[in-house]
Amino acid sequence: GLKEIIDGKEKCSKIFSKIISVGDQVMLGQLIQKSYNILHPEQTEVHLRIFRSSDPNPKFICDEEELITIKVPMPNNSKGLYCKAVVQIDFSSTKIHFKACDADGGAAVDVDIQFHNNTQ
């Protein structure tokens, strides 16, 4: 289903959040920045799943192709559900570059990127 119970509250967990669209102009060196909250107060890392869609306005991830998962460590989760991971994505070269940090500390953290073998 599209909803799950997280810390006793029903939340929609399969929403597609668009980062960039086909045809968007990106300047050399331009970073796309997104913030993501943790879902559980005891969470020590954020898993960001990156999908590709042929739909120009996707709503949910259910029918989309998962490309990679980025694991961002959250060493300081003392603010509970108010902790955020900030991810910067650079699409302006031949490779996609990711930078991540804890929104409170601001110090960059190493991210673990897992590529998915899509055979669809």
C-alpha atoms as a PDB file:
ATOM      1  CA  GLY A   1       0.000   0.000   0.000  1.00  0.00           C
ATOM      2  CA  LEU A   2       0.907   3.646  -0.180  1.00  0.00           C
ATOM      3  CA  LYS A   3       0.603   4.214   3.569  1.00  0.00           C
ATOM      4  CA  GLU A   4       2.401   2.769   6.552  1.00  0.00           C
ATOM      5  CA  ILE A   5       2.335   3.298  10.294  1.00  0.00           C
ATOM      6  CA  ILE A   6       5.406   5.232  11.482  1.00  0.00           C
ATOM      7  CA  ASP A   7       5.675   5.929  15.218  1.00  0.00           C
ATOM      8  CA  GLY A   8       1.959   5.296  15.638  1.00  0.00           C
ATOM      9  CA  LYS A   9       0.896   7.692  12.868  1.00  0.00           C
ATOM     10  CA  GLU A  10      -0.339   6.789   9.387  1.00  0.00           C
ATOM     11  CA  LYS A  11       1.931   8.352   6.755  1.00  0.00           C
ATOM     12  CA  CYS A  12       2.137   8.122   2.976  1.00  0.00           C
ATOM     13  CA  SER A  13       5.495   6.529   2.271  1.00  0.00           C
ATOM     14  CA  LYS A  14       5.541   6.119  -1.499  1.00  0.00           C
ATOM     15  CA  ILE A  15       5.299   9.764  -2.672  1.00  0.00           C
ATOM     16  CA  PHE A  16       7.476  10.795  -5.620  1.00  0.00           C
ATOM     17  CA  SER A  17       9.437  13.992  -4.949  1.00  0.00           C
ATOM     18  CA  LYS A  18      10.814  15.421  -8.178  1.00  0.00           C
ATOM     19  CA  ILE A  19      14.422  16.628  -8.198  1.00  0.00           C
ATOM     20  CA  ILE A  20      14.809  17.529 -11.872  1.00  0.00           C
ATOM     21  CA  SER A  21      12.866  17.047 -15.109  1.00  0.00           C
ATOM     22  CA  VAL A  22      13.955  16.103 -18.612  1.00  0.00           C
ATOM     23  CA  GLY A  23      14.747  19.311 -20.481  1.00  0.00           C
ATOM     24  CA  ASP A  24      15.502  21.381 -17.352  1.00  0.00           C
ATOM     25  CA  GLN A  25      18.460  23.716 -17.901  1.00  0.00           C
ATOM     26  CA  VAL A  26      21.275  23.226 -15.391  1.00  0.00           C
ATOM     27  CA  MET A  27      24.205  25.628 -15.345  1.00  0.00           C
ATOM     28  CA  LEU A  28      27.754  24.347 -14.933  1.00  0.00           C
ATOM     29  CA  GLY A  29      28.451  24.120 -11.203  1.00  0.00           C
ATOM     30  CA  GLN A  30      24.782  24.624 -10.247  1.00  0.00           C
ATOM     31  CA  LEU A  31      23.767  22.442  -7.308  1.00  0.00           C
ATOM     32  CA  ILE A  32      20.236  21.180  -6.703  1.00  0.00           C
ATOM     33  CA  GLN A  33      19.674  21.079  -2.933  1.00  0.00           C
ATOM     34  CA  LYS A  34      17.020  19.033  -1.132  1.00  0.00           C
ATOM     35  CA  SER A  35      16.346  18.455   2.567  1.00  0.00           C
ATOM     36  CA  TYR A  36      14.949  15.234   3.999  1.00  0.00           C
ATOM     37  CA  ASN A  37      13.645  14.637   7.534  1.00  0.00           C
ATOM     38  CA  ILE A  38      14.206  11.418   9.403  1.00  0.00           C
ATOM     39  CA  LEU A  39      11.134   9.226   9.991  1.00  0.00           C
ATOM     40  CA  HIS A  40      12.068   7.691  13.349  1.00  0.00           C
ATOM     41  CA  PRO A  41      13.629   9.568  16.309  1.00  0.00           C
ATOM     42  CA  GLU A  42      16.312   6.904  16.803  1.00  0.00           C
ATOM     43  CA  GLN A  43      17.305   6.848  13.116  1.00  0.00           C
ATOM     44  CA  THR A  44      21.069   7.128  12.517  1.00  0.00           C
ATOM     45  CA  GLU A  45      21.004   7.357   8.707  1.00  0.00           C
ATOM     46  CA  VAL A  46      18.632   8.505   5.983  1.00  0.00           C
ATOM     47  CA  HIS A  47      18.043   6.299   2.949  1.00  0.00           C
ATOM     48  CA  LEU A  48      17.240   8.362  -0.152  1.00  0.00           C
ATOM     49  CA  ARG A  49      15.911   6.314  -3.029  1.00  0.00           C
ATOM     50  CA  ILE A  50      16.410   7.912  -6.455  1.00  0.00           C
ATOM     51  CA  PHE A  51      13.947   6.937  -9.197  1.00  0.00           C
ATOM     52  CA  ARG A  52      13.547   7.642 -12.896  1.00  0.00           C
ATOM     53  CA  SER A  53      10.107   8.190 -14.394  1.00  0.00           C
ATOM     54  CA  SER A  54       8.791   8.577 -17.932  1.00  0.00           C
ATOM     55  CA  ASP A  55       5.740  10.370 -16.474  1.00  0.00           C
ATOM     56  CA  PRO A  56       6.349  14.165 -16.478  1.00  0.00           C
ATOM     57  CA  ASN A  57       4.351  14.513 -13.224  1.00  0.00           C
ATOM     58  CA  PRO A  58       4.673  11.306 -11.209  1.00  0.00           C
ATOM     59  CA  LYS A  59       2.791  11.161  -7.905  1.00  0.00           C
ATOM     60  CA  PHE A  60       3.989   7.869  -6.390  1.00  0.00           C
ATOM     61  CA  ILE A  61       7.068   5.647  -6.723  1.00  0.00           C
ATOM     62  CA  CYS A  62       5.107   2.408  -7.148  1.00  0.00           C
ATOM     63  CA  ASP A  63       5.541   2.112 -10.934  1.00  0.00           C
ATOM     64  CA  GLU A  64       8.847   3.943 -11.321  1.00  0.00           C
ATOM     65  CA  GLU A  65      12.365   2.604 -11.905  1.00  0.00           C
ATOM     66  CA  GLU A  66      14.651   2.788  -8.872  1.00  0.00           C
ATOM     67  CA  LEU A  67      18.186   3.778  -9.902  1.00  0.00           C
ATOM     68  CA  ILE A  68      20.175   4.232  -6.706  1.00  0.00           C
ATOM     69  CA  THR A  69      19.897   4.405  -2.947  1.00  0.00           C
ATOM     70  CA  ILE A  70      21.968   6.973  -1.076  1.00  0.00           C
ATOM     71  CA  LYS A  71      22.624   6.328   2.608  1.00  0.00           C
ATOM     72  CA  VAL A  72      23.362   9.530   4.522  1.00  0.00           C
ATOM     73  CA  PRO A  73      24.698   9.068   8.083  1.00  0.00           C
ATOM     74  CA  MET A  74      22.974  11.159  10.741  1.00  0.00           C
ATOM     75  CA  PRO A  75      25.499  11.112  13.599  1.00  0.00           C
ATOM     76  CA  ASN A  76      23.543  13.645  15.674  1.00  0.00           C
ATOM     77  CA  ASN A  77      19.873  12.667  15.956  1.00  0.00           C
ATOM     78  CA  SER A  78      19.334  14.493  19.267  1.00  0.00           C
ATOM     79  CA  LYS A  79      16.542  16.633  17.754  1.00  0.00           C
ATOM     80  CA  GLY A  80      14.462  13.534  17.018  1.00  0.00           C
ATOM     81  CA  LEU A  81      12.067  13.946  14.101  1.00  0.00           C
ATOM     82  CA  TYR A  82      13.358  17.484  13.484  1.00  0.00           C
ATOM     83  CA  CYS A  83      16.725  16.188  12.221  1.00  0.00           C
ATOM     84  CA  LYS A  84      17.331  16.759   8.517  1.00  0.00           C
ATOM     85  CA  ALA A  85      19.786  15.520   5.941  1.00  0.00           C
ATOM     86  CA  VAL A  86      20.709  18.045   3.256  1.00  0.00           C
ATOM     87  CA  VAL A  87      21.755  16.623  -0.107  1.00  0.00           C
ATOM     88  CA  GLN A  88      23.314  18.599  -2.949  1.00  0.00           C
ATOM     89  CA  ILE A  89      23.211  17.057  -6.406  1.00  0.00           C
ATOM     90  CA  ASP A  90      25.295  18.308  -9.325  1.00  0.00           C
ATOM     91  CA  PHE A  91      23.886  17.257 -12.717  1.00  0.00           C
ATOM     92  CA  SER A  92      26.043  19.697 -14.701  1.00  0.00           C
ATOM     93  CA  SER A  93      28.823  17.340 -15.827  1.00  0.00           C
ATOM     94  CA  THR A  94      29.032  13.928 -17.434  1.00  0.00           C
ATOM     95  CA  LYS A  95      28.721  12.345 -13.969  1.00  0.00           C
ATOM     96  CA  ILE A  96      26.172  13.024 -11.236  1.00  0.00           C
ATOM     97  CA  HIS A  97      27.854  14.164  -8.007  1.00  0.00           C
ATOM     98  CA  PHE A  98      26.282  13.977  -4.534  1.00  0.00           C
ATOM     99  CA  LYS A  99      27.239  15.855  -1.365  1.00  0.00           C
ATOM    100  CA  ALA A 100      25.425  15.401   1.918  1.00  0.00           C
ATOM    101  CA  CYS A 101      25.462  16.859   5.407  1.00  0.00           C
ATOM    102  CA  ASP A 102      23.528  16.893   8.641  1.00  0.00           C
ATOM    103  CA  ALA A 103      21.472  20.118   8.507  1.00  0.00           C
ATOM    104  CA  ASP A 104      22.426  21.032  12.091  1.00  0.00           C
ATOM    105  CA  GLY A 105      26.158  20.385  12.011  1.00  0.00           C
ATOM    106  CA  GLY A 106      26.671  21.333   8.397  1.00  0.00           C
ATOM    107  CA  ALA A 107      29.762  19.130   8.211  1.00  0.00           C
ATOM    108  CA  ALA A 108      29.895  17.038   5.050  1.00  0.00           C
ATOM    109  CA  VAL A 109      29.469  13.309   5.557  1.00  0.00           C
ATOM    110  CA  ASP A 110      30.491  10.402   3.371  1.00  0.00           C
ATOM    111  CA  VAL A 111      27.525   8.820   1.618  1.00  0.00           C
ATOM    112  CA  ASP A 112      27.145   5.209   0.581  1.00  0.00           C
ATOM    113  CA  ILE A 113      25.654   4.932  -2.923  1.00  0.00           C
ATOM    114  CA  GLN A 114      24.140   1.629  -4.003  1.00  0.00           C
ATOM    115  CA  PHE A 115      23.335   1.226  -7.704  1.00  0.00           C
ATOM    116  CA  HIS A 116      20.383  -1.002  -8.540  1.00  0.00           C
ATOM    117  CA  ASN A 117      20.616  -3.559 -11.327  1.00  0.00           C
ATOM    118  CA  ASN A 118      17.408  -2.808 -13.226  1.00  0.00           C
ATOM    119  CA  THR A 119      16.459  -5.440 -15.743  1.00  0.00           C
ATOM    120  CA  GLN A 120      13.059  -4.026 -16.681  1.00  0.00           C
END
